[in-house]
Amino acid sequence: MRAPIGFLFRGYNLPAPGANTGISGGVVPKEGRLRITVALSTSSVVNVTATDGTTTHKWGLSLSAALQAGDLYSWEFDVMGELTYDVEVETDSVIECLTITNPVGSLS
């Protein structure tokens, strides 16, 4: 059984952050998993970034395919707790919903 999920970021009807601009301001997960759930008002590619403060890498989610507007998408993946993660969209539009959670205990 999983432990309670810890929210690192929650946003609803967020103003357009700008194309390829971090939405959450950066989150540092407590343990080895991160879950991102998003719904967009405009079709767009969603990327996750990771940085150690010196070097930043950007990775596309869903094979870097544009997500459909108005649909809800969710991903869960392994992370390193010493890195800071953020979410970006390639099209400047309203983010209908974005949650970033740390499913604590998900590896046990």
PDB file of N, CA and C in Angstrom:
ATOM      1  N   MET A   1       0.839  -1.180   0.000  1.00  0.00           N
ATOM      2  CA  MET A   1       0.000   0.000   0.000  1.00  0.00           C
ATOM      3  C   MET A   1       0.884   1.243   0.000  1.00  0.00           C
ATOM      4  N   ARG A   2       0.526   2.203  -0.794  1.00  0.00           N
ATOM      5  CA  ARG A   2       1.296   3.438  -0.904  1.00  0.00           C
ATOM      6  C   ARG A   2       1.013   4.377   0.251  1.00  0.00           C
ATOM      7  N   ALA A   3       2.046   5.120   0.604  1.00  0.00           N
ATOM      8  CA  ALA A   3       1.892   6.176   1.602  1.00  0.00           C
ATOM      9  C   ALA A   3       1.172   7.357   0.959  1.00  0.00           C
ATOM     10  N   PRO A   4       0.688   8.304   1.758  1.00  0.00           N
ATOM     11  CA  PRO A   4       0.014   9.483   1.187  1.00  0.00           C
ATOM     12  C   PRO A   4       0.915  10.239   0.216  1.00  0.00           C
ATOM     13  N   ILE A   5       0.288  10.824  -0.763  1.00  0.00           N
ATOM     14  CA  ILE A   5       1.011  11.595  -1.767  1.00  0.00           C
ATOM     15  C   ILE A   5       1.292  12.987  -1.229  1.00  0.00           C
ATOM     16  N   GLY A   6       2.521  13.445  -1.434  1.00  0.00           N
ATOM     17  CA  GLY A   6       2.888  14.792  -0.999  1.00  0.00           C
ATOM     18  C   GLY A   6       2.869  15.756  -2.176  1.00  0.00           C
ATOM     19  N   PHE A   7       2.030  16.783  -2.112  1.00  0.00           N
ATOM     20  CA  PHE A   7       1.964  17.769  -3.186  1.00  0.00           C
ATOM     21  C   PHE A   7       3.159  18.708  -3.111  1.00  0.00           C
ATOM     22  N   LEU A   8       3.855  18.865  -4.230  1.00  0.00           N
ATOM     23  CA  LEU A   8       4.954  19.806  -4.340  1.00  0.00           C
ATOM     24  C   LEU A   8       4.501  21.087  -5.040  1.00  0.00           C
ATOM     25  N   PHE A   9       3.483  20.958  -5.908  1.00  0.00           N
ATOM     26  CA  PHE A   9       2.930  22.112  -6.618  1.00  0.00           C
ATOM     27  C   PHE A   9       1.512  21.774  -7.040  1.00  0.00           C
ATOM     28  N   ARG A  10       0.606  22.734  -6.871  1.00  0.00           N
ATOM     29  CA  ARG A  10      -0.772  22.601  -7.349  1.00  0.00           C
ATOM     30  C   ARG A  10      -1.173  23.917  -7.987  1.00  0.00           C
ATOM     31  N   GLY A  11      -1.731  23.837  -9.182  1.00  0.00           N
ATOM     32  CA  GLY A  11      -2.188  25.045  -9.844  1.00  0.00           C
ATOM     33  C   GLY A  11      -3.413  24.769 -10.687  1.00  0.00           C
ATOM     34  N   TYR A  12      -4.331  25.724 -10.714  1.00  0.00           N
ATOM     35  CA  TYR A  12      -5.563  25.612 -11.484  1.00  0.00           C
ATOM     36  C   TYR A  12      -5.786  26.911 -12.241  1.00  0.00           C
ATOM     37  N   ASN A  13      -6.041  26.797 -13.548  1.00  0.00           N
ATOM     38  CA  ASN A  13      -6.297  27.957 -14.405  1.00  0.00           C
ATOM     39  C   ASN A  13      -5.160  28.979 -14.284  1.00  0.00           C
ATOM     40  N   LEU A  14      -3.945  28.470 -14.454  1.00  0.00           N
ATOM     41  CA  LEU A  14      -2.755  29.315 -14.326  1.00  0.00           C
ATOM     42  C   LEU A  14      -2.594  30.212 -15.539  1.00  0.00           C
ATOM     43  N   PRO A  15      -2.202  31.457 -15.359  1.00  0.00           N
ATOM     44  CA  PRO A  15      -1.983  32.338 -16.507  1.00  0.00           C
ATOM     45  C   PRO A  15      -0.857  31.807 -17.389  1.00  0.00           C
ATOM     46  N   ALA A  16      -0.908  32.182 -18.634  1.00  0.00           N
ATOM     47  CA  ALA A  16       0.106  31.743 -19.591  1.00  0.00           C
ATOM     48  C   ALA A  16       1.498  32.112 -19.079  1.00  0.00           C
ATOM     49  N   PRO A  17       2.366  31.114 -18.891  1.00  0.00           N
ATOM     50  CA  PRO A  17       3.691  31.400 -18.336  1.00  0.00           C
ATOM     51  C   PRO A  17       4.701  31.877 -19.376  1.00  0.00           C
ATOM     52  N   GLY A  18       4.371  31.707 -20.650  1.00  0.00           N
ATOM     53  CA  GLY A  18       5.324  31.965 -21.732  1.00  0.00           C
ATOM     54  C   GLY A  18       5.814  30.633 -22.270  1.00  0.00           C
ATOM     55  N   ALA A  19       6.077  30.583 -23.536  1.00  0.00           N
ATOM     56  CA  ALA A  19       6.561  29.342 -24.152  1.00  0.00           C
ATOM     57  C   ALA A  19       7.918  28.973 -23.572  1.00  0.00           C
ATOM     58  N   ASN A  20       8.086  27.692 -23.284  1.00  0.00           N
ATOM     59  CA  ASN A  20       9.349  27.153 -22.762  1.00  0.00           C
ATOM     60  C   ASN A  20       9.818  27.876 -21.500  1.00  0.00           C
ATOM     61  N   THR A  21       8.854  28.190 -20.631  1.00  0.00           N
ATOM     62  CA  THR A  21       9.132  28.853 -19.365  1.00  0.00           C
ATOM     63  C   THR A  21       8.652  27.964 -18.228  1.00  0.00           C
ATOM     64  N   GLY A  22       9.476  27.814 -17.196  1.00  0.00           N
ATOM     65  CA  GLY A  22       9.088  26.987 -16.054  1.00  0.00           C
ATOM     66  C   GLY A  22       7.787  27.464 -15.433  1.00  0.00           C
ATOM     67  N   ILE A  23       6.933  26.523 -15.091  1.00  0.00           N
ATOM     68  CA  ILE A  23       5.613  26.854 -14.559  1.00  0.00           C
ATOM     69  C   ILE A  23       5.595  26.856 -13.032  1.00  0.00           C
ATOM     70  N   SER A  24       6.254  25.886 -12.411  1.00  0.00           N
ATOM     71  CA  SER A  24       6.141  25.711 -10.964  1.00  0.00           C
ATOM     72  C   SER A  24       7.158  26.514 -10.159  1.00  0.00           C
ATOM     73  N   GLY A  25       8.178  27.027 -10.806  1.00  0.00           N
ATOM     74  CA  GLY A  25       9.245  27.686 -10.077  1.00  0.00           C
ATOM     75  C   GLY A  25      10.298  26.715  -9.579  1.00  0.00           C
ATOM     76  N   GLY A  26      10.111  25.451  -9.901  1.00  0.00           N
ATOM     77  CA  GLY A  26      11.072  24.410  -9.537  1.00  0.00           C
ATOM     78  C   GLY A  26      10.687  23.691  -8.262  1.00  0.00           C
ATOM     79  N   VAL A  27      10.738  22.372  -8.300  1.00  0.00           N
ATOM     80  CA  VAL A  27      10.442  21.549  -7.125  1.00  0.00           C
ATOM     81  C   VAL A  27      11.574  20.559  -6.919  1.00  0.00           C
ATOM     82  N   VAL A  28      11.814  20.207  -5.664  1.00  0.00           N
ATOM     83  CA  VAL A  28      12.822  19.213  -5.317  1.00  0.00           C
ATOM     84  C   VAL A  28      12.089  18.046  -4.660  1.00  0.00           C
ATOM     85  N   PRO A  29      12.029  16.894  -5.322  1.00  0.00           N
ATOM     86  CA  PRO A  29      11.318  15.752  -4.738  1.00  0.00           C
ATOM     87  C   PRO A  29      12.060  15.198  -3.524  1.00  0.00           C
ATOM     88  N   LYS A  30      11.295  14.625  -2.585  1.00  0.00           N
ATOM     89  CA  LYS A  30      11.879  14.062  -1.369  1.00  0.00           C
ATOM     90  C   LYS A  30      12.496  12.688  -1.617  1.00  0.00           C
ATOM     91  N   GLU A  31      11.902  11.926  -2.495  1.00  0.00           N
ATOM     92  CA  GLU A  31      12.355  10.562  -2.741  1.00  0.00           C
ATOM     93  C   GLU A  31      12.456  10.296  -4.233  1.00  0.00           C
ATOM     94  N   GLY A  32      12.532   9.059  -4.603  1.00  0.00           N
ATOM     95  CA  GLY A  32      12.859   8.666  -5.956  1.00  0.00           C
ATOM     96  C   GLY A  32      11.789   8.672  -7.020  1.00  0.00           C
ATOM     97  N   ARG A  33      10.594   9.222  -6.768  1.00  0.00           N
ATOM     98  CA  ARG A  33       9.541   9.262  -7.788  1.00  0.00           C
ATOM     99  C   ARG A  33       8.933  10.656  -7.852  1.00  0.00           C
ATOM    100  N   LEU A  34       8.450  11.003  -9.047  1.00  0.00           N
ATOM    101  CA  LEU A  34       7.746  12.261  -9.251  1.00  0.00           C
ATOM    102  C   LEU A  34       6.559  11.965 -10.152  1.00  0.00           C
ATOM    103  N   ARG A  35       5.405  12.550  -9.835  1.00  0.00           N
ATOM    104  CA  ARG A  35       4.214  12.400 -10.669  1.00  0.00           C
ATOM    105  C   ARG A  35       3.783  13.786 -11.119  1.00  0.00           C
ATOM    106  N   ILE A  36       3.562  13.923 -12.428  1.00  0.00           N
ATOM    107  CA  ILE A  36       3.108  15.181 -13.019  1.00  0.00           C
ATOM    108  C   ILE A  36       1.770  14.915 -13.695  1.00  0.00           C
ATOM    109  N   THR A  37       0.780  15.751 -13.399  1.00  0.00           N
ATOM    110  CA  THR A  37      -0.526  15.666 -14.040  1.00  0.00           C
ATOM    111  C   THR A  37      -0.848  17.041 -14.594  1.00  0.00           C
ATOM    112  N   VAL A  38      -1.296  17.093 -15.855  1.00  0.00           N
ATOM    113  CA  VAL A  38      -1.522  18.381 -16.502  1.00  0.00           C
ATOM    114  C   VAL A  38      -2.708  18.308 -17.464  1.00  0.00           C
ATOM    115  N   ALA A  39      -3.414  19.430 -17.580  1.00  0.00           N
ATOM    116  CA  ALA A  39      -4.421  19.643 -18.626  1.00  0.00           C
ATOM    117  C   ALA A  39      -4.154  21.032 -19.198  1.00  0.00           C
ATOM    118  N   LEU A  40      -4.185  21.136 -20.523  1.00  0.00           N
ATOM    119  CA  LEU A  40      -3.850  22.387 -21.211  1.00  0.00           C
ATOM    120  C   LEU A  40      -5.067  22.967 -21.930  1.00  0.00           C
ATOM    121  N   SER A  41      -5.078  24.277 -22.118  1.00  0.00           N
ATOM    122  CA  SER A  41      -6.160  24.921 -22.870  1.00  0.00           C
ATOM    123  C   SER A  41      -5.856  24.961 -24.363  1.00  0.00           C
ATOM    124  N   THR A  42      -4.596  24.744 -24.724  1.00  0.00           N
ATOM    125  CA  THR A  42      -4.161  24.721 -26.117  1.00  0.00           C
ATOM    126  C   THR A  42      -3.243  23.519 -26.315  1.00  0.00           C
ATOM    127  N   SER A  43      -3.370  22.848 -27.427  1.00  0.00           N
ATOM    128  CA  SER A  43      -2.506  21.713 -27.717  1.00  0.00           C
ATOM    129  C   SER A  43      -1.039  22.136 -27.663  1.00  0.00           C
ATOM    130  N   SER A  44      -0.204  21.341 -26.979  1.00  0.00           N
ATOM    131  CA  SER A  44       1.203  21.701 -26.843  1.00  0.00           C
ATOM    132  C   SER A  44       2.030  20.502 -26.403  1.00  0.00           C
ATOM    133  N   VAL A  45       3.314  20.591 -26.672  1.00  0.00           N
ATOM    134  CA  VAL A  45       4.280  19.630 -26.139  1.00  0.00           C
ATOM    135  C   VAL A  45       4.590  20.047 -24.701  1.00  0.00           C
ATOM    136  N   VAL A  46       4.683  19.074 -23.802  1.00  0.00           N
ATOM    137  CA  VAL A  46       5.032  19.328 -22.408  1.00  0.00           C
ATOM    138  C   VAL A  46       6.403  18.716 -22.146  1.00  0.00           C
ATOM    139  N   ASN A  47       7.269  19.501 -21.539  1.00  0.00           N
ATOM    140  CA  ASN A  47       8.625  19.057 -21.207  1.00  0.00           C
ATOM    141  C   ASN A  47       8.842  19.134 -19.712  1.00  0.00           C
ATOM    142  N   VAL A  48       9.759  18.318 -19.219  1.00  0.00           N
ATOM    143  CA  VAL A  48      10.217  18.415 -17.841  1.00  0.00           C
ATOM    144  C   VAL A  48      11.695  18.800 -17.895  1.00  0.00           C
ATOM    145  N   THR A  49      12.094  19.702 -17.000  1.00  0.00           N
ATOM    146  CA  THR A  49      13.500  20.088 -16.926  1.00  0.00           C
ATOM    147  C   THR A  49      14.067  19.622 -15.590  1.00  0.00           C
ATOM    148  N   ALA A  50      15.358  19.359 -15.600  1.00  0.00           N
ATOM    149  CA  ALA A  50      16.077  18.996 -14.377  1.00  0.00           C
ATOM    150  C   ALA A  50      17.374  19.782 -14.347  1.00  0.00           C
ATOM    151  N   THR A  51      17.720  20.300 -13.166  1.00  0.00           N
ATOM    152  CA  THR A  51      18.957  21.063 -13.037  1.00  0.00           C
ATOM    153  C   THR A  51      19.631  20.754 -11.718  1.00  0.00           C
ATOM    154  N   ASP A  52      20.945  20.818 -11.733  1.00  0.00           N
ATOM    155  CA  ASP A  52      21.734  20.707 -10.504  1.00  0.00           C
ATOM    156  C   ASP A  52      22.229  22.084 -10.079  1.00  0.00           C
ATOM    157  N   GLY A  53      21.712  23.126 -10.727  1.00  0.00           N
ATOM    158  CA  GLY A  53      22.120  24.498 -10.436  1.00  0.00           C
ATOM    159  C   GLY A  53      23.176  25.002 -11.400  1.00  0.00           C
ATOM    160  N   THR A  54      23.801  24.079 -12.122  1.00  0.00           N
ATOM    161  CA  THR A  54      24.831  24.443 -13.100  1.00  0.00           C
ATOM    162  C   THR A  54      24.392  24.082 -14.511  1.00  0.00           C
ATOM    163  N   THR A  55      23.921  22.854 -14.665  1.00  0.00           N
ATOM    164  CA  THR A  55      23.518  22.342 -15.976  1.00  0.00           C
ATOM    165  C   THR A  55      22.047  21.963 -15.944  1.00  0.00           C
ATOM    166  N   THR A  56      21.292  22.398 -16.964  1.00  0.00           N
ATOM    167  CA  THR A  56      19.876  22.065 -17.081  1.00  0.00           C
ATOM    168  C   THR A  56      19.661  21.209 -18.315  1.00  0.00           C
ATOM    169  N   HIS A  57      18.870  20.141 -18.146  1.00  0.00           N
ATOM    170  CA  HIS A  57      18.477  19.292 -19.270  1.00  0.00           C
ATOM    171  C   HIS A  57      16.958  19.331 -19.393  1.00  0.00           C
ATOM    172  N   LYS A  58      16.466  19.234 -20.625  1.00  0.00           N
ATOM    173  CA  LYS A  58      15.035  19.261 -20.916  1.00  0.00           C
ATOM    174  C   LYS A  58      14.660  17.980 -21.634  1.00  0.00           C
ATOM    175  N   TRP A  59      13.576  17.328 -21.144  1.00  0.00           N
ATOM    176  CA  TRP A  59      13.111  16.078 -21.739  1.00  0.00           C
ATOM    177  C   TRP A  59      11.628  16.176 -22.062  1.00  0.00           C
ATOM    178  N   GLY A  60      11.264  15.765 -23.253  1.00  0.00           N
ATOM    179  CA  GLY A  60       9.866  15.761 -23.669  1.00  0.00           C
ATOM    180  C   GLY A  60       9.097  14.615 -23.041  1.00  0.00           C
ATOM    181  N   LEU A  61       7.853  14.881 -22.664  1.00  0.00           N
ATOM    182  CA  LEU A  61       6.964  13.839 -22.169  1.00  0.00           C
ATOM    183  C   LEU A  61       6.090  13.360 -23.323  1.00  0.00           C
ATOM    184  N   SER A  62       5.588  12.153 -23.240  1.00  0.00           N
ATOM    185  CA  SER A  62       4.736  11.550 -24.283  1.00  0.00           C
ATOM    186  C   SER A  62       5.409  11.587 -25.649  1.00  0.00           C
ATOM    187  N   LEU A  63       6.689  11.205 -25.662  1.00  0.00           N
ATOM    188  CA  LEU A  63       7.479  11.150 -26.907  1.00  0.00           C
ATOM    189  C   LEU A  63       7.548  12.505 -27.602  1.00  0.00           C
ATOM    190  N   SER A  64       7.447  13.582 -26.840  1.00  0.00           N
ATOM    191  CA  SER A  64       7.464  14.961 -27.352  1.00  0.00           C
ATOM    192  C   SER A  64       6.338  15.242 -28.343  1.00  0.00           C
ATOM    193  N   ALA A  65       5.255  14.479 -28.238  1.00  0.00           N
ATOM    194  CA  ALA A  65       4.077  14.706 -29.080  1.00  0.00           C
ATOM    195  C   ALA A  65       3.197  15.765 -28.416  1.00  0.00           C
ATOM    196  N   ALA A  66       2.549  16.580 -29.222  1.00  0.00           N
ATOM    197  CA  ALA A  66       1.653  17.612 -28.684  1.00  0.00           C
ATOM    198  C   ALA A  66       0.461  16.944 -28.002  1.00  0.00           C
ATOM    199  N   LEU A  67       0.166  17.379 -26.793  1.00  0.00           N
ATOM    200  CA  LEU A  67      -0.993  16.882 -26.062  1.00  0.00           C
ATOM    201  C   LEU A  67      -2.234  17.623 -26.533  1.00  0.00           C
ATOM    202  N   GLN A  68      -3.377  16.959 -26.487  1.00  0.00           N
ATOM    203  CA  GLN A  68      -4.624  17.569 -26.913  1.00  0.00           C
ATOM    204  C   GLN A  68      -5.149  18.522 -25.848  1.00  0.00           C
ATOM    205  N   ALA A  69      -5.693  19.628 -26.271  1.00  0.00           N
ATOM    206  CA  ALA A  69      -6.300  20.591 -25.347  1.00  0.00           C
ATOM    207  C   ALA A  69      -7.494  19.950 -24.652  1.00  0.00           C
ATOM    208  N   GLY A  70      -7.659  20.240 -23.375  1.00  0.00           N
ATOM    209  CA  GLY A  70      -8.825  19.771 -22.637  1.00  0.00           C
ATOM    210  C   GLY A  70      -8.756  18.340 -22.152  1.00  0.00           C
ATOM    211  N   ASP A  71      -7.653  17.628 -22.400  1.00  0.00           N
ATOM    212  CA  ASP A  71      -7.491  16.263 -21.899  1.00  0.00           C
ATOM    213  C   ASP A  71      -6.538  16.267 -20.717  1.00  0.00           C
ATOM    214  N   LEU A  72      -6.703  15.302 -19.835  1.00  0.00           N
ATOM    215  CA  LEU A  72      -5.859  15.192 -18.651  1.00  0.00           C
ATOM    216  C   LEU A  72      -4.804  14.116 -18.894  1.00  0.00           C
ATOM    217  N   TYR A  73      -3.542  14.453 -18.619  1.00  0.00           N
ATOM    218  CA  TYR A  73      -2.412  13.548 -18.806  1.00  0.00           C
ATOM    219  C   TYR A  73      -1.641  13.425 -17.499  1.00  0.00           C
ATOM    220  N   SER A  74      -1.056  12.247 -17.266  1.00  0.00           N
ATOM    221  CA  SER A  74      -0.286  12.038 -16.054  1.00  0.00           C
ATOM    222  C   SER A  74       0.900  11.134 -16.350  1.00  0.00           C
ATOM    223  N   TRP A  75       2.045  11.441 -15.715  1.00  0.00           N
ATOM    224  CA  TRP A  75       3.263  10.645 -15.848  1.00  0.00           C
ATOM    225  C   TRP A  75       3.871  10.457 -14.467  1.00  0.00           C
ATOM    226  N   GLU A  76       4.520   9.334 -14.264  1.00  0.00           N
ATOM    227  CA  GLU A  76       5.268   9.089 -13.037  1.00  0.00           C
ATOM    228  C   GLU A  76       6.606   8.484 -13.435  1.00  0.00           C
ATOM    229  N   PHE A  77       7.683   8.995 -12.847  1.00  0.00           N
ATOM    230  CA  PHE A  77       9.006   8.530 -13.233  1.00  0.00           C
ATOM    231  C   PHE A  77       9.994   8.699 -12.082  1.00  0.00           C
ATOM    232  N   ASP A  78      11.110   7.971 -12.179  1.00  0.00           N
ATOM    233  CA  ASP A  78      12.168   8.052 -11.179  1.00  0.00           C
ATOM    234  C   ASP A  78      12.917   9.369 -11.308  1.00  0.00           C
ATOM    235  N   VAL A  79      13.334   9.920 -10.165  1.00  0.00           N
ATOM    236  CA  VAL A  79      14.084  11.174 -10.137  1.00  0.00           C
ATOM    237  C   VAL A  79      15.214  11.068  -9.117  1.00  0.00           C
ATOM    238  N   MET A  80      16.112  12.036  -9.167  1.00  0.00           N
ATOM    239  CA  MET A  80      17.177  12.156  -8.179  1.00  0.00           C
ATOM    240  C   MET A  80      16.832  13.326  -7.267  1.00  0.00           C
ATOM    241  N   GLY A  81      16.782  13.086  -5.970  1.00  0.00           N
ATOM    242  CA  GLY A  81      16.352  14.087  -4.999  1.00  0.00           C
ATOM    243  C   GLY A  81      17.220  15.324  -4.918  1.00  0.00           C
ATOM    244  N   GLU A  82      18.450  15.251  -5.415  1.00  0.00           N
ATOM    245  CA  GLU A  82      19.334  16.423  -5.338  1.00  0.00           C
ATOM    246  C   GLU A  82      19.131  17.383  -6.510  1.00  0.00           C
ATOM    247  N   LEU A  83      18.268  17.039  -7.459  1.00  0.00           N
ATOM    248  CA  LEU A  83      18.003  17.905  -8.613  1.00  0.00           C
ATOM    249  C   LEU A  83      16.699  18.672  -8.419  1.00  0.00           C
ATOM    250  N   THR A  84      16.582  19.801  -9.106  1.00  0.00           N
ATOM    251  CA  THR A  84      15.358  20.597  -9.114  1.00  0.00           C
ATOM    252  C   THR A  84      14.659  20.367 -10.444  1.00  0.00           C
ATOM    253  N   TYR A  85      13.369  20.073 -10.397  1.00  0.00           N
ATOM    254  CA  TYR A  85      12.578  19.756 -11.588  1.00  0.00           C
ATOM    255  C   TYR A  85      11.528  20.833 -11.827  1.00  0.00           C
ATOM    256  N   ASP A  86      11.166  21.039 -13.098  1.00  0.00           N
ATOM    257  CA  ASP A  86      10.105  21.966 -13.455  1.00  0.00           C
ATOM    258  C   ASP A  86       9.401  21.448 -14.707  1.00  0.00           C
ATOM    259  N   VAL A  87       8.268  22.041 -15.011  1.00  0.00           N
ATOM    260  CA  VAL A  87       7.459  21.671 -16.175  1.00  0.00           C
ATOM    261  C   VAL A  87       7.344  22.885 -17.083  1.00  0.00           C
ATOM    262  N   GLU A  88       7.461  22.653 -18.389  1.00  0.00           N
ATOM    263  CA  GLU A  88       7.315  23.712 -19.399  1.00  0.00           C
ATOM    264  C   GLU A  88       6.368  23.243 -20.490  1.00  0.00           C
ATOM    265  N   VAL A  89       5.710  24.188 -21.135  1.00  0.00           N
ATOM    266  CA  VAL A  89       4.938  23.906 -22.345  1.00  0.00           C
ATOM    267  C   VAL A  89       5.552  24.707 -23.484  1.00  0.00           C
ATOM    268  N   GLU A  90       5.483  24.157 -24.682  1.00  0.00           N
ATOM    269  CA  GLU A  90       6.092  24.830 -25.832  1.00  0.00           C
ATOM    270  C   GLU A  90       5.186  25.876 -26.459  1.00  0.00           C
ATOM    271  N   THR A  91       3.898  25.854 -26.121  1.00  0.00           N
ATOM    272  CA  THR A  91       2.947  26.839 -26.627  1.00  0.00           C
ATOM    273  C   THR A  91       2.480  27.698 -25.459  1.00  0.00           C
ATOM    274  N   ASP A  92       2.535  28.995 -25.618  1.00  0.00           N
ATOM    275  CA  ASP A  92       2.152  29.914 -24.555  1.00  0.00           C
ATOM    276  C   ASP A  92       0.631  29.941 -24.424  1.00  0.00           C
ATOM    277  N   SER A  93       0.112  29.269 -23.398  1.00  0.00           N
ATOM    278  CA  SER A  93      -1.335  29.247 -23.185  1.00  0.00           C
ATOM    279  C   SER A  93      -1.636  28.968 -21.724  1.00  0.00           C
ATOM    280  N   VAL A  94      -2.902  29.105 -21.359  1.00  0.00           N
ATOM    281  CA  VAL A  94      -3.348  28.868 -19.996  1.00  0.00           C
ATOM    282  C   VAL A  94      -3.168  27.389 -19.644  1.00  0.00           C
ATOM    283  N   ILE A  95      -2.667  27.143 -18.438  1.00  0.00           N
ATOM    284  CA  ILE A  95      -2.544  25.787 -17.921  1.00  0.00           C
ATOM    285  C   ILE A  95      -3.798  25.538 -17.091  1.00  0.00           C
ATOM    286  N   GLU A  96      -4.677  24.669 -17.580  1.00  0.00           N
ATOM    287  CA  GLU A  96      -5.937  24.426 -16.884  1.00  0.00           C
ATOM    288  C   GLU A  96      -5.716  23.787 -15.521  1.00  0.00           C
ATOM    289  N   CYS A  97      -4.785  22.849 -15.456  1.00  0.00           N
ATOM    290  CA  CYS A  97      -4.509  22.150 -14.213  1.00  0.00           C
ATOM    291  C   CYS A  97      -3.082  21.616 -14.255  1.00  0.00           C
ATOM    292  N   LEU A  98      -2.339  21.785 -13.168  1.00  0.00           N
ATOM    293  CA  LEU A  98      -1.009  21.197 -13.045  1.00  0.00           C
ATOM    294  C   LEU A  98      -0.784  20.800 -11.597  1.00  0.00           C
ATOM    295  N   THR A  99      -0.497  19.530 -11.384  1.00  0.00           N
ATOM    296  CA  THR A  99      -0.068  19.075 -10.064  1.00  0.00           C
ATOM    297  C   THR A  99       1.253  18.337 -10.230  1.00  0.00           C
ATOM    298  N   ILE A 100       2.132  18.567  -9.284  1.00  0.00           N
ATOM    299  CA  ILE A 100       3.390  17.836  -9.208  1.00  0.00           C
ATOM    300  C   ILE A 100       3.427  17.240  -7.821  1.00  0.00           C
ATOM    301  N   THR A 101       3.483  15.930  -7.753  1.00  0.00           N
ATOM    302  CA  THR A 101       3.446  15.243  -6.464  1.00  0.00           C
ATOM    303  C   THR A 101       4.652  14.331  -6.307  1.00  0.00           C
ATOM    304  N   ASN A 102       4.953  14.073  -5.065  1.00  0.00           N
ATOM    305  CA  ASN A 102       6.018  13.160  -4.697  1.00  0.00           C
ATOM    306  C   ASN A 102       5.346  11.967  -4.028  1.00  0.00           C
ATOM    307  N   PRO A 103       5.107  10.901  -4.797  1.00  0.00           N
ATOM    308  CA  PRO A 103       4.415   9.745  -4.208  1.00  0.00           C
ATOM    309  C   PRO A 103       5.329   9.022  -3.221  1.00  0.00           C
ATOM    310  N   VAL A 104       5.418   9.550  -2.014  1.00  0.00           N
ATOM    311  CA  VAL A 104       6.304   9.047  -0.978  1.00  0.00           C
ATOM    312  C   VAL A 104       5.958   7.587  -0.690  1.00  0.00           C
ATOM    313  N   GLY A 105       6.982   6.769  -0.649  1.00  0.00           N
ATOM    314  CA  GLY A 105       6.777   5.355  -0.360  1.00  0.00           C
ATOM    315  C   GLY A 105       6.421   4.532  -1.576  1.00  0.00           C
ATOM    316  N   SER A 106       6.413   5.147  -2.766  1.00  0.00           N
ATOM    317  CA  SER A 106       5.994   4.412  -3.962  1.00  0.00           C
ATOM    318  C   SER A 106       7.003   3.368  -4.388  1.00  0.00           C
ATOM    319  N   LEU A 107       8.217   3.434  -3.859  1.00  0.00           N
ATOM    320  CA  LEU A 107       9.224   2.428  -4.216  1.00  0.00           C
ATOM    321  C   LEU A 107       9.236   1.262  -3.236  1.00  0.00           C
ATOM    322  N   SER A 108       8.473   1.360  -2.163  1.00  0.00           N
ATOM    323  CA  SER A 108       8.485   0.277  -1.170  1.00  0.00           C
ATOM    324  C   SER A 108       7.417  -0.741  -1.452  1.00  0.00           C
TER     325      SER A 108
END
